[in-house]
Amino acid sequence: SFKVNRIDEVELLDSLQVNDESIPETDLFGWTGETPLLVELHLAPTAYHLLIEEFPAARPFTERRYDASSPFTYQFRAEIRDFRGVGRFILGLHKHIQVVQPQGLKEYLNDIVAEMRY
């Protein structure tokens, strides 16, 4: 994907150009990566509604949880390609999201929080 408004200049070539590279698969959050990683999150209604609004393709990967003792009434379970996209979403709504798995995502988020300085 390219943002054409960022193109400064175009050069016409004399020969046909072909790209034989495979297009990397992107996840719901727009990131690529070689290995899919299964992520499971429990979401409060606020996080659920924002997830569906900002990432409509996430809808089939969410379902209602029936646990009266928990404020996290929705579950998101999907494969992602990189922690950066889902991590950004989680950090923006950290009080409304519980990371169930994988442990690597929890470590990634903890590392980011540990480096924050205000």
Protein backbone atom coordinates (compact mmCIF):
# COMPACT_ATOMS: atom_id res chain seq x y z
CA SER A 1 0.00 0.00 0.00
CA PHE A 2 1.24 3.44 -0.86
CA LYS A 3 0.01 6.92 -0.04
CA VAL A 4 0.20 8.58 -3.45
CA ASN A 5 0.15 12.06 -1.94
CA ARG A 6 3.66 11.31 -0.61
CA ILE A 7 5.08 10.83 -4.12
CA ASP A 8 7.40 13.74 -4.92
CA GLU A 9 8.52 12.71 -8.39
CA VAL A 10 7.81 10.13 -11.09
CA GLU A 11 10.38 8.86 -13.56
CA LEU A 12 9.23 7.12 -16.74
CA LEU A 13 11.36 4.11 -17.70
CA ASP A 14 12.05 2.73 -21.16
CA SER A 15 11.42 -0.89 -20.15
CA LEU A 16 8.57 -2.74 -18.49
CA GLN A 17 9.11 -3.36 -14.78
CA VAL A 18 7.76 -6.48 -13.07
CA ASN A 19 7.68 -7.17 -9.35
CA ASP A 20 8.01 -10.90 -8.67
CA GLU A 21 8.11 -10.54 -4.91
CA SER A 22 5.25 -12.03 -2.98
CA ILE A 23 3.03 -9.58 -1.17
CA PRO A 24 3.40 -10.05 2.59
CA GLU A 25 0.22 -10.87 4.45
CA THR A 26 -1.02 -8.13 6.76
CA ASP A 27 -2.96 -8.60 9.95
CA LEU A 28 -6.12 -6.83 11.07
CA PHE A 29 -4.05 -3.95 12.40
CA GLY A 30 -2.13 -3.45 9.14
CA TRP A 31 1.19 -5.01 10.14
CA THR A 32 3.16 -7.72 8.37
CA GLY A 33 5.32 -10.48 9.75
CA GLU A 34 6.53 -13.91 8.85
CA THR A 35 4.88 -15.96 11.57
CA PRO A 36 1.25 -15.59 12.64
CA LEU A 37 0.79 -15.18 16.39
CA LEU A 38 -2.43 -16.10 18.16
CA VAL A 39 -3.68 -13.29 20.39
CA GLU A 40 -6.51 -13.50 22.87
CA LEU A 41 -7.84 -10.39 24.58
CA HIS A 42 -10.75 -9.83 26.91
CA LEU A 43 -12.43 -6.50 26.23
CA ALA A 44 -14.68 -4.19 28.19
CA PRO A 45 -17.55 -2.77 26.11
CA THR A 46 -15.63 0.46 25.42
CA ALA A 47 -12.68 -1.43 23.95
CA TYR A 48 -14.95 -3.75 22.00
CA HIS A 49 -16.85 -0.90 20.35
CA LEU A 50 -13.66 0.98 19.48
CA LEU A 51 -12.06 -2.18 18.08
CA ILE A 52 -15.01 -2.80 15.78
CA GLU A 53 -15.19 0.87 14.78
CA GLU A 54 -11.48 1.27 14.03
CA PHE A 55 -10.88 -2.25 12.67
CA PRO A 56 -14.16 -3.57 11.19
CA ALA A 57 -12.44 -6.75 9.97
CA ALA A 58 -12.03 -7.73 13.64
CA ARG A 59 -15.77 -8.35 14.09
CA PRO A 60 -15.70 -12.06 13.10
CA PHE A 61 -12.96 -12.63 15.68
CA THR A 62 -14.91 -11.25 18.62
CA GLU A 63 -17.63 -12.83 20.70
CA ARG A 64 -19.55 -12.13 23.85
CA ARG A 65 -18.26 -13.61 27.13
CA TYR A 66 -20.73 -14.64 29.79
CA ASP A 67 -18.84 -14.05 33.03
CA ALA A 68 -20.90 -11.90 35.39
CA SER A 69 -17.92 -11.38 37.70
CA SER A 70 -15.79 -9.72 35.00
CA PRO A 71 -16.02 -6.26 33.40
CA PHE A 72 -14.47 -7.77 30.25
CA THR A 73 -17.61 -8.93 28.48
CA TYR A 74 -16.09 -9.59 25.03
CA GLN A 75 -13.33 -11.80 23.71
CA PHE A 76 -11.09 -11.09 20.74
CA ARG A 77 -9.15 -14.07 19.41
CA ALA A 78 -7.20 -13.83 16.13
CA GLU A 79 -3.85 -14.32 14.49
CA ILE A 80 -1.70 -11.22 14.11
CA ARG A 81 1.65 -10.70 12.41
CA ASP A 82 3.33 -8.18 14.72
CA PHE A 83 2.82 -6.92 18.27
CA ARG A 84 3.13 -3.24 17.26
CA GLY A 85 -0.38 -2.81 15.82
CA VAL A 86 -2.33 -4.62 18.50
CA GLY A 87 0.04 -3.22 21.14
CA ARG A 88 -0.77 0.34 20.14
CA PHE A 89 -4.48 -0.44 20.43
CA ILE A 90 -4.04 -2.07 23.85
CA LEU A 91 -1.90 0.72 25.28
CA GLY A 92 -4.50 3.29 24.23
CA LEU A 93 -7.21 1.42 26.15
CA HIS A 94 -5.18 -0.43 28.78
CA LYS A 95 -7.84 -0.10 31.49
CA HIS A 96 -10.42 -1.69 29.19
CA ILE A 97 -8.39 -4.65 27.90
CA GLN A 98 -7.02 -7.77 29.54
CA VAL A 99 -4.30 -9.64 27.63
CA VAL A 100 -4.91 -13.38 27.98
CA GLN A 101 -2.23 -14.63 25.58
CA PRO A 102 0.50 -14.83 24.35
CA GLN A 103 3.06 -14.17 27.04
CA GLY A 104 5.28 -12.49 24.45
CA LEU A 105 2.66 -9.77 23.95
CA LYS A 106 2.51 -9.16 27.69
CA GLU A 107 6.31 -8.83 27.79
CA TYR A 108 6.29 -6.49 24.78
CA LEU A 109 3.73 -4.22 26.48
CA ASN A 110 5.57 -4.28 29.82
CA ASP A 111 8.82 -3.31 28.07
CA ILE A 112 7.14 -0.32 26.43
CA VAL A 113 5.57 0.82 29.70
CA ALA A 114 8.90 0.42 31.55
CA GLU A 115 10.57 2.78 29.05
CA MET A 116 7.92 5.53 29.35
CA ARG A 117 9.13 8.80 30.83
CA TYR A 118 6.96 11.86 31.37
